[in-house]
Amino acid sequence: MGLQSFEHGVERMVEGVFSRSSRSTIRPVELGRRLLREMDDHRSVDVKGRRIVPNAFEFHLSARDHAGFADIEHALQVELCEAAREYARDEGYHFLGPVLVGLVVDNNLKAGRFGILSQLKEAGGGRGAGAVVLPTGERVTIGDRTVTIGRLPDCHVAVNDTNVSRRHAEIRPAGSGYVAVDLGSTNGTKVNGERIVGERVLNDGDTVTVGGTHLRFEAS
């Protein structure tokens, strides 16, 4: 599903700009396919039995192709990151840190050719901004504060759902990352479909579910 969603995202957000102004001989979907294949080719298993895949990707492009993506570079990076997160959820893969995608010029490459470097990159010692992404696409930045989720209008993430308690859950800074905490809600809080007890450390791309509402956590 990651690649299909990526294709639709590119179509919806940037394909119009790309088709009108691009001088690149590479289509965005080619980058998406290569990124997902890179995850498959470099997966490993950690001591906990989790399948770990790269989370930092660097595409090497010719100067011409890199310039051809100039108008859509940021949107393309966002879509590629989301494709990686969705594919990881579908395949049961885990990341060691936030998903990062960069596009760089390689003067040794001819137009139409590109390379990719990937690595397992742990989250740095400092905490990133962190964000909760709502079903509408709206982002609520967490930063160093505690973000409340619930039915009350004064919650940072107000959810209009009768299955959600007035103050249902929180996402709190903890060490160099964040944790999800259920506030004794009636129906509980889930992370990636599993009901949590106490605190649950959040990883980039995790889905936090309250009632029938799914919220995506992004580490940066």
N, C-alpha and C. Protein backbone atom coordinates (compact mmCIF):
# COMPACT_ATOMS: atom_id res chain seq x y z
N MET A 1 0.82 -1.21 0.00
CA MET A 1 0.00 0.00 0.00
C MET A 1 0.86 1.26 0.00
N GLY A 2 2.09 1.17 0.50
CA GLY A 2 2.94 2.35 0.60
C GLY A 2 3.16 3.00 -0.75
N LEU A 3 3.45 2.18 -1.77
CA LEU A 3 3.73 2.73 -3.09
C LEU A 3 2.47 3.30 -3.72
N GLN A 4 1.33 2.60 -3.55
CA GLN A 4 0.08 3.11 -4.13
C GLN A 4 -0.29 4.46 -3.52
N SER A 5 -0.18 4.56 -2.21
CA SER A 5 -0.48 5.83 -1.55
C SER A 5 0.47 6.91 -2.00
N PHE A 6 1.75 6.53 -2.18
CA PHE A 6 2.75 7.49 -2.64
C PHE A 6 2.37 8.02 -4.03
N GLU A 7 2.00 7.11 -4.93
CA GLU A 7 1.61 7.52 -6.28
C GLU A 7 0.42 8.48 -6.22
N HIS A 8 -0.58 8.13 -5.40
CA HIS A 8 -1.75 9.00 -5.30
C HIS A 8 -1.38 10.36 -4.70
N GLY A 9 -0.48 10.32 -3.70
CA GLY A 9 -0.05 11.57 -3.07
C GLY A 9 0.68 12.47 -4.04
N VAL A 10 1.56 11.89 -4.82
CA VAL A 10 2.30 12.68 -5.82
C VAL A 10 1.33 13.25 -6.84
N GLU A 11 0.40 12.42 -7.27
CA GLU A 11 -0.60 12.87 -8.24
C GLU A 11 -1.39 14.05 -7.69
N ARG A 12 -1.82 13.91 -6.45
CA ARG A 12 -2.69 14.92 -5.83
C ARG A 12 -1.95 16.21 -5.51
N MET A 13 -0.74 16.08 -4.98
CA MET A 13 -0.05 17.25 -4.44
C MET A 13 0.91 17.91 -5.42
N VAL A 14 1.63 17.09 -6.19
CA VAL A 14 2.72 17.69 -6.94
C VAL A 14 2.79 17.31 -8.42
N GLU A 15 2.03 16.35 -8.87
CA GLU A 15 2.19 15.91 -10.25
C GLU A 15 1.89 17.01 -11.24
N GLY A 16 0.93 17.90 -10.92
CA GLY A 16 0.63 19.01 -11.83
C GLY A 16 1.83 19.90 -12.03
N VAL A 17 2.47 20.25 -10.93
CA VAL A 17 3.67 21.09 -11.02
C VAL A 17 4.77 20.33 -11.75
N PHE A 18 4.93 19.06 -11.42
CA PHE A 18 5.99 18.26 -12.01
C PHE A 18 5.84 18.19 -13.53
N SER A 19 4.61 17.90 -13.97
CA SER A 19 4.41 17.71 -15.41
C SER A 19 4.56 19.02 -16.18
N ARG A 20 4.24 20.13 -15.52
CA ARG A 20 4.32 21.42 -16.22
C ARG A 20 5.74 21.95 -16.33
N SER A 21 6.53 21.74 -15.24
CA SER A 21 7.79 22.48 -15.18
C SER A 21 9.03 21.61 -15.08
N SER A 22 8.88 20.29 -14.91
CA SER A 22 10.05 19.49 -14.62
C SER A 22 10.96 19.32 -15.82
N ARG A 23 12.26 19.42 -15.55
CA ARG A 23 13.27 19.10 -16.55
C ARG A 23 13.91 17.75 -16.21
N SER A 24 13.37 17.07 -15.21
CA SER A 24 13.93 15.79 -14.79
C SER A 24 13.47 14.69 -15.72
N THR A 25 14.38 13.75 -15.96
CA THR A 25 14.02 12.59 -16.78
C THR A 25 13.60 11.42 -15.90
N ILE A 26 13.53 11.65 -14.59
CA ILE A 26 13.13 10.61 -13.63
C ILE A 26 11.75 10.95 -13.08
N ARG A 27 10.87 9.97 -13.06
CA ARG A 27 9.55 10.18 -12.49
C ARG A 27 9.58 9.94 -10.98
N PRO A 28 8.80 10.72 -10.21
CA PRO A 28 8.79 10.52 -8.75
C PRO A 28 8.54 9.09 -8.32
N VAL A 29 7.65 8.39 -9.03
CA VAL A 29 7.31 7.02 -8.62
C VAL A 29 8.51 6.09 -8.68
N GLU A 30 9.49 6.39 -9.57
CA GLU A 30 10.70 5.57 -9.63
C GLU A 30 11.47 5.67 -8.33
N LEU A 31 11.50 6.88 -7.73
CA LEU A 31 12.17 7.05 -6.44
C LEU A 31 11.42 6.28 -5.36
N GLY A 32 10.10 6.34 -5.40
CA GLY A 32 9.30 5.64 -4.41
C GLY A 32 9.53 4.14 -4.45
N ARG A 33 9.55 3.57 -5.66
CA ARG A 33 9.78 2.13 -5.81
C ARG A 33 11.14 1.75 -5.26
N ARG A 34 12.16 2.57 -5.58
CA ARG A 34 13.52 2.24 -5.14
C ARG A 34 13.65 2.32 -3.63
N LEU A 35 12.98 3.28 -3.01
CA LEU A 35 13.05 3.44 -1.55
C LEU A 35 12.46 2.22 -0.85
N LEU A 36 11.30 1.77 -1.31
CA LEU A 36 10.67 0.61 -0.67
C LEU A 36 11.49 -0.66 -0.88
N ARG A 37 12.09 -0.78 -2.05
CA ARG A 37 12.94 -1.94 -2.30
C ARG A 37 14.19 -1.91 -1.40
N GLU A 38 14.69 -0.71 -1.15
CA GLU A 38 15.84 -0.55 -0.27
C GLU A 38 15.52 -1.03 1.15
N MET A 39 14.30 -0.75 1.60
CA MET A 39 13.86 -1.23 2.92
C MET A 39 13.85 -2.75 2.95
N ASP A 40 13.29 -3.37 1.90
CA ASP A 40 13.23 -4.83 1.84
C ASP A 40 14.62 -5.45 1.80
N ASP A 41 15.51 -4.85 1.00
CA ASP A 41 16.83 -5.43 0.78
C ASP A 41 17.74 -5.32 2.00
N HIS A 42 17.46 -4.37 2.89
CA HIS A 42 18.37 -4.12 4.01
C HIS A 42 17.70 -4.33 5.37
N ARG A 43 16.67 -5.15 5.41
CA ARG A 43 16.03 -5.43 6.69
C ARG A 43 16.89 -6.39 7.51
N SER A 44 16.80 -6.27 8.81
CA SER A 44 17.54 -7.14 9.72
C SER A 44 16.67 -7.39 10.94
N VAL A 45 17.11 -8.28 11.81
CA VAL A 45 16.34 -8.61 13.01
C VAL A 45 17.16 -8.22 14.23
N ASP A 46 16.54 -7.47 15.16
CA ASP A 46 17.27 -7.05 16.35
C ASP A 46 17.11 -8.09 17.47
N VAL A 47 17.68 -7.79 18.64
CA VAL A 47 17.68 -8.75 19.74
C VAL A 47 16.27 -9.02 20.28
N LYS A 48 15.33 -8.12 19.99
CA LYS A 48 13.95 -8.32 20.43
C LYS A 48 13.12 -9.07 19.40
N GLY A 49 13.76 -9.44 18.29
CA GLY A 49 13.04 -10.16 17.24
C GLY A 49 12.29 -9.26 16.28
N ARG A 50 12.49 -7.95 16.39
CA ARG A 50 11.82 -7.01 15.49
C ARG A 50 12.57 -6.91 14.17
N ARG A 51 11.83 -6.72 13.09
CA ARG A 51 12.47 -6.53 11.79
C ARG A 51 12.79 -5.04 11.62
N ILE A 52 14.06 -4.73 11.61
CA ILE A 52 14.53 -3.35 11.55
C ILE A 52 14.93 -3.02 10.12
N VAL A 53 14.53 -1.83 9.66
CA VAL A 53 14.87 -1.40 8.30
C VAL A 53 15.48 0.00 8.34
N PRO A 54 16.18 0.39 7.27
CA PRO A 54 16.77 1.73 7.23
C PRO A 54 15.70 2.81 7.38
N ASN A 55 16.10 3.93 7.98
CA ASN A 55 15.17 5.05 8.13
C ASN A 55 15.74 6.35 7.57
N ALA A 56 17.00 6.32 7.12
CA ALA A 56 17.62 7.51 6.53
C ALA A 56 18.02 7.18 5.09
N PHE A 57 17.52 7.94 4.14
CA PHE A 57 17.73 7.66 2.72
C PHE A 57 18.28 8.91 2.02
N GLU A 58 19.24 8.70 1.13
CA GLU A 58 19.82 9.81 0.37
C GLU A 58 19.84 9.42 -1.10
N PHE A 59 19.05 10.13 -1.89
CA PHE A 59 19.01 9.89 -3.33
C PHE A 59 20.08 10.74 -4.01
N HIS A 60 20.88 10.11 -4.88
CA HIS A 60 21.91 10.80 -5.65
C HIS A 60 21.39 10.96 -7.08
N LEU A 61 21.34 12.22 -7.53
CA LEU A 61 20.78 12.55 -8.84
C LEU A 61 21.77 13.37 -9.65
N SER A 62 21.62 13.32 -10.96
CA SER A 62 22.40 14.23 -11.81
C SER A 62 21.96 15.66 -11.53
N ALA A 63 22.81 16.62 -11.88
CA ALA A 63 22.46 18.03 -11.65
C ALA A 63 21.17 18.40 -12.38
N ARG A 64 21.00 17.85 -13.57
CA ARG A 64 19.79 18.15 -14.35
C ARG A 64 18.54 17.62 -13.66
N ASP A 65 18.60 16.37 -13.21
CA ASP A 65 17.43 15.78 -12.57
C ASP A 65 17.14 16.44 -11.22
N HIS A 66 18.19 16.77 -10.49
CA HIS A 66 17.99 17.44 -9.21
C HIS A 66 17.31 18.79 -9.42
N ALA A 67 17.76 19.54 -10.43
CA ALA A 67 17.13 20.83 -10.73
C ALA A 67 15.70 20.65 -11.19
N GLY A 68 15.43 19.54 -11.87
CA GLY A 68 14.08 19.28 -12.35
C GLY A 68 13.08 19.06 -11.23
N PHE A 69 13.57 18.65 -10.06
CA PHE A 69 12.69 18.43 -8.92
C PHE A 69 12.60 19.66 -8.01
N ALA A 70 13.25 20.75 -8.37
CA ALA A 70 13.37 21.90 -7.47
C ALA A 70 12.01 22.40 -6.97
N ASP A 71 11.02 22.49 -7.85
CA ASP A 71 9.72 23.05 -7.47
C ASP A 71 8.93 22.14 -6.55
N ILE A 72 9.26 20.87 -6.52
CA ILE A 72 8.47 19.92 -5.72
C ILE A 72 9.32 19.18 -4.70
N GLU A 73 10.54 19.62 -4.48
CA GLU A 73 11.48 18.84 -3.66
C GLU A 73 10.93 18.57 -2.26
N HIS A 74 10.42 19.60 -1.58
CA HIS A 74 9.94 19.40 -0.21
C HIS A 74 8.73 18.48 -0.19
N ALA A 75 7.76 18.73 -1.09
CA ALA A 75 6.57 17.89 -1.14
C ALA A 75 6.93 16.44 -1.47
N LEU A 76 7.92 16.26 -2.34
CA LEU A 76 8.35 14.92 -2.71
C LEU A 76 9.00 14.22 -1.52
N GLN A 77 9.80 14.94 -0.75
CA GLN A 77 10.42 14.35 0.44
C GLN A 77 9.36 13.92 1.45
N VAL A 78 8.34 14.77 1.64
CA VAL A 78 7.26 14.44 2.57
C VAL A 78 6.54 13.17 2.13
N GLU A 79 6.24 13.08 0.83
CA GLU A 79 5.53 11.91 0.32
C GLU A 79 6.38 10.64 0.42
N LEU A 80 7.68 10.77 0.17
CA LEU A 80 8.56 9.61 0.28
C LEU A 80 8.66 9.12 1.73
N CYS A 81 8.74 10.06 2.66
CA CYS A 81 8.78 9.69 4.08
C CYS A 81 7.50 8.96 4.49
N GLU A 82 6.37 9.48 4.05
CA GLU A 82 5.10 8.85 4.41
C GLU A 82 4.94 7.48 3.75
N ALA A 83 5.45 7.33 2.51
CA ALA A 83 5.41 6.02 1.85
C ALA A 83 6.22 5.01 2.65
N ALA A 84 7.39 5.43 3.16
CA ALA A 84 8.22 4.53 3.97
C ALA A 84 7.50 4.14 5.26
N ARG A 85 6.88 5.11 5.92
CA ARG A 85 6.17 4.82 7.17
C ARG A 85 5.01 3.85 6.93
N GLU A 86 4.24 4.10 5.87
CA GLU A 86 3.08 3.25 5.60
C GLU A 86 3.51 1.84 5.23
N TYR A 87 4.58 1.75 4.43
CA TYR A 87 5.07 0.43 4.04
C TYR A 87 5.58 -0.34 5.26
N ALA A 88 6.24 0.39 6.17
CA ALA A 88 6.73 -0.25 7.39
C ALA A 88 5.57 -0.78 8.23
N ARG A 89 4.49 -0.01 8.32
CA ARG A 89 3.31 -0.48 9.08
C ARG A 89 2.72 -1.72 8.43
N ASP A 90 2.63 -1.72 7.10
CA ASP A 90 2.05 -2.85 6.37
C ASP A 90 2.89 -4.12 6.53
N GLU A 91 4.22 -3.95 6.53
CA GLU A 91 5.12 -5.10 6.55
C GLU A 91 5.57 -5.50 7.94
N GLY A 92 5.20 -4.70 8.96
CA GLY A 92 5.65 -5.01 10.32
C GLY A 92 7.10 -4.66 10.55
N TYR A 93 7.62 -3.66 9.81
CA TYR A 93 8.99 -3.21 9.98
C TYR A 93 9.07 -2.16 11.09
N HIS A 94 10.27 -1.99 11.64
CA HIS A 94 10.50 -0.98 12.68
C HIS A 94 11.67 -0.10 12.30
N PHE A 95 11.58 1.19 12.68
CA PHE A 95 12.66 2.14 12.47
C PHE A 95 13.36 2.42 13.80
N LEU A 96 14.64 2.78 13.74
CA LEU A 96 15.38 3.16 14.94
C LEU A 96 15.24 4.64 15.27
N GLY A 97 14.77 5.42 14.31
CA GLY A 97 14.62 6.86 14.50
C GLY A 97 13.68 7.42 13.46
N PRO A 98 13.58 8.75 13.38
CA PRO A 98 12.70 9.39 12.39
C PRO A 98 13.10 9.03 10.96
N VAL A 99 12.12 9.01 10.06
CA VAL A 99 12.40 8.76 8.65
C VAL A 99 12.91 10.06 8.01
N LEU A 100 14.03 9.96 7.33
CA LEU A 100 14.65 11.12 6.70
C LEU A 100 14.94 10.80 5.23
N VAL A 101 14.64 11.74 4.34
CA VAL A 101 14.91 11.57 2.91
C VAL A 101 15.58 12.83 2.38
N GLY A 102 16.69 12.66 1.69
CA GLY A 102 17.39 13.80 1.10
C GLY A 102 17.65 13.57 -0.38
N LEU A 103 17.74 14.66 -1.14
CA LEU A 103 18.08 14.60 -2.56
C LEU A 103 19.37 15.40 -2.75
N VAL A 104 20.41 14.76 -3.29
CA VAL A 104 21.69 15.45 -3.46
C VAL A 104 22.17 15.28 -4.90
N VAL A 105 23.04 16.22 -5.31
CA VAL A 105 23.60 16.19 -6.66
C VAL A 105 24.84 15.31 -6.69
N ASP A 106 24.91 14.45 -7.69
CA ASP A 106 26.12 13.64 -7.95
C ASP A 106 26.53 13.92 -9.38
N ASN A 107 27.61 14.68 -9.54
CA ASN A 107 28.03 15.09 -10.88
C ASN A 107 28.57 13.95 -11.73
N ASN A 108 28.74 12.78 -11.14
CA ASN A 108 29.21 11.62 -11.90
C ASN A 108 28.05 10.87 -12.57
N LEU A 109 26.83 11.27 -12.24
CA LEU A 109 25.67 10.58 -12.80
C LEU A 109 25.15 11.29 -14.05
N LYS A 110 24.71 10.49 -15.01
CA LYS A 110 24.07 11.04 -16.20
C LYS A 110 22.58 11.22 -15.93
N ALA A 111 21.94 12.09 -16.71
CA ALA A 111 20.49 12.30 -16.57
C ALA A 111 19.76 10.99 -16.74
N GLY A 112 18.78 10.77 -15.89
CA GLY A 112 17.98 9.55 -15.97
C GLY A 112 18.49 8.43 -15.09
N ARG A 113 19.69 8.61 -14.51
CA ARG A 113 20.24 7.60 -13.60
C ARG A 113 20.26 8.16 -12.18
N PHE A 114 20.03 7.31 -11.21
CA PHE A 114 20.13 7.77 -9.83
C PHE A 114 20.56 6.63 -8.93
N GLY A 115 21.09 6.99 -7.77
CA GLY A 115 21.50 6.00 -6.79
C GLY A 115 20.85 6.32 -5.46
N ILE A 116 20.96 5.40 -4.52
CA ILE A 116 20.40 5.63 -3.19
C ILE A 116 21.33 5.03 -2.14
N LEU A 117 21.53 5.78 -1.07
CA LEU A 117 22.25 5.30 0.09
C LEU A 117 21.27 5.26 1.25
N SER A 118 21.30 4.19 2.03
CA SER A 118 20.38 4.10 3.16
C SER A 118 21.16 3.67 4.40
N GLN A 119 20.66 4.04 5.55
CA GLN A 119 21.30 3.62 6.79
C GLN A 119 20.30 3.54 7.93
N LEU A 120 20.66 2.74 8.91
CA LEU A 120 19.90 2.68 10.16
C LEU A 120 20.43 3.81 11.03
N LYS A 121 19.60 4.78 11.30
CA LYS A 121 20.05 5.96 12.04
C LYS A 121 19.21 6.13 13.29
N GLU A 122 19.84 5.99 14.44
CA GLU A 122 19.12 6.13 15.70
C GLU A 122 18.77 7.59 15.95
N ALA A 123 17.70 7.80 16.71
CA ALA A 123 17.32 9.16 17.08
C ALA A 123 18.46 9.79 17.86
N GLY A 124 18.72 11.06 17.61
CA GLY A 124 19.80 11.76 18.28
C GLY A 124 19.51 11.95 19.74
N GLY A 125 20.52 12.43 20.48
CA GLY A 125 20.36 12.63 21.91
C GLY A 125 19.32 13.67 22.24
N GLY A 126 19.15 14.66 21.36
CA GLY A 126 18.15 15.70 21.61
C GLY A 126 16.80 15.30 21.05
N ARG A 127 15.74 15.80 21.64
CA ARG A 127 14.41 15.46 21.18
C ARG A 127 14.01 16.37 20.04
N GLY A 128 13.38 15.82 19.00
CA GLY A 128 12.88 16.63 17.91
C GLY A 128 11.60 17.33 18.33
N ALA A 129 10.98 18.01 17.39
CA ALA A 129 9.76 18.76 17.70
C ALA A 129 8.61 17.80 18.03
N GLY A 130 8.50 16.71 17.30
CA GLY A 130 7.41 15.77 17.51
C GLY A 130 6.09 16.37 17.08
N ALA A 131 5.21 15.53 16.54
CA ALA A 131 3.90 16.03 16.11
C ALA A 131 2.89 14.92 16.10
N VAL A 132 1.63 15.30 16.31
CA VAL A 132 0.49 14.40 16.16
C VAL A 132 -0.23 14.80 14.88
N VAL A 133 -0.41 13.87 13.97
CA VAL A 133 -1.08 14.16 12.70
C VAL A 133 -2.51 13.64 12.77
N LEU A 134 -3.47 14.55 12.62
CA LEU A 134 -4.89 14.21 12.70
C LEU A 134 -5.37 13.56 11.40
N PRO A 135 -6.52 12.90 11.41
CA PRO A 135 -7.05 12.29 10.18
C PRO A 135 -7.23 13.31 9.05
N THR A 136 -7.43 14.58 9.40
CA THR A 136 -7.59 15.62 8.39
C THR A 136 -6.28 16.04 7.76
N GLY A 137 -5.15 15.57 8.33
CA GLY A 137 -3.84 16.00 7.86
C GLY A 137 -3.26 17.13 8.69
N GLU A 138 -4.08 17.73 9.56
CA GLU A 138 -3.60 18.80 10.42
C GLU A 138 -2.57 18.24 11.39
N ARG A 139 -1.52 19.04 11.66
CA ARG A 139 -0.44 18.61 12.54
C ARG A 139 -0.47 19.44 13.82
N VAL A 140 -0.35 18.77 14.97
CA VAL A 140 -0.25 19.44 16.26
C VAL A 140 1.15 19.17 16.80
N THR A 141 1.97 20.22 16.86
CA THR A 141 3.34 20.07 17.32
C THR A 141 3.37 19.83 18.83
N ILE A 142 4.24 18.92 19.26
CA ILE A 142 4.32 18.58 20.68
C ILE A 142 5.42 19.38 21.37
N GLY A 143 6.63 19.30 20.83
CA GLY A 143 7.74 20.03 21.44
C GLY A 143 8.02 19.53 22.86
N ASP A 144 8.19 20.46 23.80
CA ASP A 144 8.51 20.09 25.19
C ASP A 144 7.28 20.10 26.10
N ARG A 145 6.10 20.18 25.52
CA ARG A 145 4.89 20.22 26.34
C ARG A 145 4.20 18.86 26.36
N THR A 146 3.24 18.71 27.26
CA THR A 146 2.37 17.53 27.27
C THR A 146 1.12 17.86 26.48
N VAL A 147 0.81 17.03 25.50
CA VAL A 147 -0.36 17.25 24.64
C VAL A 147 -1.49 16.35 25.11
N THR A 148 -2.64 16.96 25.40
CA THR A 148 -3.81 16.20 25.85
C THR A 148 -4.72 15.86 24.67
N ILE A 149 -5.33 14.67 24.76
CA ILE A 149 -6.25 14.19 23.73
C ILE A 149 -7.55 13.82 24.42
N GLY A 150 -8.66 14.35 23.91
CA GLY A 150 -9.95 14.03 24.53
C GLY A 150 -11.10 14.76 23.89
N ARG A 151 -12.28 14.58 24.48
CA ARG A 151 -13.50 15.14 23.92
C ARG A 151 -13.69 16.61 24.31
N LEU A 152 -13.05 17.07 25.38
CA LEU A 152 -13.21 18.45 25.82
C LEU A 152 -12.59 19.42 24.80
N PRO A 153 -13.25 20.54 24.54
CA PRO A 153 -12.75 21.50 23.56
C PRO A 153 -11.38 22.07 23.93
N ASP A 154 -11.05 22.09 25.23
CA ASP A 154 -9.77 22.69 25.62
C ASP A 154 -8.61 21.69 25.54
N CYS A 155 -8.84 20.48 25.09
CA CYS A 155 -7.74 19.55 24.86
C CYS A 155 -6.93 20.01 23.64
N HIS A 156 -5.65 19.76 23.65
CA HIS A 156 -4.82 20.14 22.50
C HIS A 156 -5.31 19.45 21.23
N VAL A 157 -5.69 18.16 21.37
CA VAL A 157 -6.29 17.42 20.26
C VAL A 157 -7.71 17.08 20.69
N ALA A 158 -8.66 17.89 20.26
CA ALA A 158 -10.07 17.70 20.62
C ALA A 158 -10.71 16.74 19.62
N VAL A 159 -11.26 15.63 20.13
CA VAL A 159 -11.83 14.59 19.28
C VAL A 159 -13.33 14.49 19.52
N ASN A 160 -14.11 14.74 18.48
CA ASN A 160 -15.57 14.68 18.58
C ASN A 160 -16.03 13.25 18.34
N ASP A 161 -15.93 12.44 19.41
CA ASP A 161 -16.23 11.02 19.30
C ASP A 161 -16.78 10.57 20.66
N THR A 162 -18.00 10.04 20.67
CA THR A 162 -18.63 9.65 21.94
C THR A 162 -17.90 8.50 22.63
N ASN A 163 -17.05 7.78 21.90
CA ASN A 163 -16.27 6.70 22.49
C ASN A 163 -14.97 7.19 23.12
N VAL A 164 -14.76 8.49 23.06
CA VAL A 164 -13.56 9.10 23.63
C VAL A 164 -13.93 9.81 24.93
N SER A 165 -13.16 9.60 25.98
CA SER A 165 -13.41 10.26 27.26
C SER A 165 -13.07 11.74 27.18
N ARG A 166 -13.58 12.49 28.17
CA ARG A 166 -13.34 13.94 28.15
C ARG A 166 -11.86 14.26 28.14
N ARG A 167 -11.12 13.64 29.03
CA ARG A 167 -9.66 13.70 28.96
C ARG A 167 -9.19 12.25 28.85
N HIS A 168 -8.85 11.88 27.65
CA HIS A 168 -8.68 10.46 27.31
C HIS A 168 -7.22 10.00 27.45
N ALA A 169 -6.30 10.76 26.88
CA ALA A 169 -4.90 10.33 26.84
C ALA A 169 -3.99 11.54 26.72
N GLU A 170 -2.71 11.30 26.92
CA GLU A 170 -1.70 12.34 26.76
C GLU A 170 -0.51 11.78 26.01
N ILE A 171 0.20 12.68 25.32
CA ILE A 171 1.51 12.36 24.78
C ILE A 171 2.49 13.29 25.49
N ARG A 172 3.46 12.68 26.18
CA ARG A 172 4.36 13.45 27.04
C ARG A 172 5.81 13.29 26.59
N PRO A 173 6.61 14.35 26.76
CA PRO A 173 8.06 14.21 26.55
C PRO A 173 8.62 13.25 27.60
N ALA A 174 9.56 12.41 27.17
CA ALA A 174 10.19 11.47 28.10
C ALA A 174 11.59 11.16 27.59
N GLY A 175 12.60 11.57 28.35
CA GLY A 175 13.97 11.37 27.90
C GLY A 175 14.21 12.09 26.59
N SER A 176 14.69 11.36 25.58
CA SER A 176 14.93 11.98 24.27
C SER A 176 13.77 11.76 23.31
N GLY A 177 12.64 11.21 23.82
CA GLY A 177 11.50 10.96 22.94
C GLY A 177 10.18 11.31 23.59
N TYR A 178 9.16 10.50 23.28
CA TYR A 178 7.81 10.76 23.77
C TYR A 178 7.14 9.45 24.17
N VAL A 179 6.18 9.55 25.08
CA VAL A 179 5.39 8.39 25.47
C VAL A 179 3.90 8.73 25.38
N ALA A 180 3.08 7.71 25.10
CA ALA A 180 1.62 7.85 25.14
C ALA A 180 1.15 7.30 26.48
N VAL A 181 0.21 8.01 27.10
CA VAL A 181 -0.30 7.62 28.41
C VAL A 181 -1.82 7.66 28.39
N ASP A 182 -2.47 6.58 28.79
CA ASP A 182 -3.93 6.58 28.92
C ASP A 182 -4.29 7.21 30.27
N LEU A 183 -5.31 8.06 30.29
CA LEU A 183 -5.71 8.78 31.51
C LEU A 183 -6.89 8.11 32.20
N GLY A 184 -6.91 6.79 32.21
CA GLY A 184 -8.02 6.07 32.82
C GLY A 184 -9.30 6.17 32.02
N SER A 185 -9.17 6.24 30.72
CA SER A 185 -10.33 6.38 29.85
C SER A 185 -11.22 5.14 29.91
N THR A 186 -12.47 5.31 29.53
CA THR A 186 -13.43 4.21 29.56
C THR A 186 -13.06 3.11 28.56
N ASN A 187 -12.68 3.52 27.35
CA ASN A 187 -12.45 2.55 26.28
C ASN A 187 -10.98 2.29 25.98
N GLY A 188 -10.09 2.93 26.73
CA GLY A 188 -8.67 2.66 26.56
C GLY A 188 -8.05 3.36 25.36
N THR A 189 -6.72 3.28 25.32
CA THR A 189 -5.92 3.88 24.25
C THR A 189 -5.06 2.79 23.64
N LYS A 190 -4.97 2.78 22.32
CA LYS A 190 -4.17 1.77 21.63
C LYS A 190 -3.02 2.43 20.86
N VAL A 191 -1.90 1.72 20.79
CA VAL A 191 -0.78 2.11 19.94
C VAL A 191 -0.53 0.96 18.98
N ASN A 192 -0.67 1.25 17.69
CA ASN A 192 -0.54 0.22 16.65
C ASN A 192 -1.47 -0.97 16.91
N GLY A 193 -2.68 -0.65 17.41
CA GLY A 193 -3.70 -1.67 17.61
C GLY A 193 -3.63 -2.41 18.92
N GLU A 194 -2.62 -2.11 19.75
CA GLU A 194 -2.45 -2.81 21.03
C GLU A 194 -2.79 -1.87 22.19
N ARG A 195 -3.72 -2.31 23.04
CA ARG A 195 -4.12 -1.47 24.17
C ARG A 195 -2.95 -1.29 25.13
N ILE A 196 -2.72 -0.04 25.54
CA ILE A 196 -1.56 0.23 26.39
C ILE A 196 -1.95 0.22 27.86
N VAL A 197 -0.99 -0.16 28.68
CA VAL A 197 -1.13 -0.11 30.13
C VAL A 197 0.04 0.73 30.64
N GLY A 198 -0.26 1.79 31.36
CA GLY A 198 0.81 2.69 31.80
C GLY A 198 1.31 3.52 30.62
N GLU A 199 2.63 3.65 30.51
CA GLU A 199 3.23 4.43 29.43
C GLU A 199 3.65 3.52 28.29
N ARG A 200 3.64 4.09 27.08
CA ARG A 200 4.12 3.35 25.90
C ARG A 200 5.02 4.29 25.10
N VAL A 201 6.28 3.91 24.93
CA VAL A 201 7.21 4.73 24.14
C VAL A 201 6.74 4.75 22.69
N LEU A 202 6.74 5.94 22.10
CA LEU A 202 6.28 6.10 20.72
C LEU A 202 7.47 6.17 19.76
N ASN A 203 7.32 5.47 18.65
CA ASN A 203 8.31 5.51 17.57
C ASN A 203 7.71 6.24 16.37
N ASP A 204 8.58 6.77 15.56
CA ASP A 204 8.14 7.52 14.39
C ASP A 204 7.18 6.67 13.55
N GLY A 205 6.00 7.23 13.23
CA GLY A 205 5.03 6.54 12.40
C GLY A 205 4.01 5.71 13.16
N ASP A 206 4.14 5.63 14.50
CA ASP A 206 3.17 4.87 15.30
C ASP A 206 1.77 5.46 15.18
N THR A 207 0.76 4.61 15.26
CA THR A 207 -0.64 5.05 15.23
C THR A 207 -1.22 4.96 16.64
N VAL A 208 -1.71 6.09 17.13
CA VAL A 208 -2.36 6.16 18.44
C VAL A 208 -3.86 6.22 18.19
N THR A 209 -4.60 5.27 18.77
CA THR A 209 -6.05 5.19 18.53
C THR A 209 -6.81 5.48 19.82
N VAL A 210 -7.73 6.45 19.72
CA VAL A 210 -8.65 6.76 20.82
C VAL A 210 -10.06 6.66 20.24
N GLY A 211 -10.91 5.82 20.83
CA GLY A 211 -12.23 5.59 20.25
C GLY A 211 -12.07 5.04 18.84
N GLY A 212 -12.73 5.68 17.89
CA GLY A 212 -12.59 5.27 16.50
C GLY A 212 -11.69 6.20 15.72
N THR A 213 -10.89 6.99 16.39
CA THR A 213 -10.04 7.99 15.74
C THR A 213 -8.58 7.57 15.78
N HIS A 214 -7.93 7.58 14.61
CA HIS A 214 -6.55 7.18 14.50
C HIS A 214 -5.67 8.42 14.30
N LEU A 215 -4.68 8.57 15.15
CA LEU A 215 -3.75 9.69 15.10
C LEU A 215 -2.35 9.14 14.82
N ARG A 216 -1.61 9.81 13.95
CA ARG A 216 -0.26 9.34 13.63
C ARG A 216 0.78 10.18 14.37
N PHE A 217 1.73 9.50 15.00
CA PHE A 217 2.81 10.20 15.68
C PHE A 217 4.01 10.30 14.75
N GLU A 218 4.58 11.50 14.65
CA GLU A 218 5.81 11.70 13.89
C GLU A 218 6.86 12.26 14.82
N ALA A 219 8.04 11.65 14.80
CA ALA A 219 9.10 12.05 15.73
C ALA A 219 9.72 13.39 15.37
N SER A 220 9.62 13.80 14.12
CA SER A 220 10.21 15.07 13.71
C SER A 220 9.43 15.66 12.56
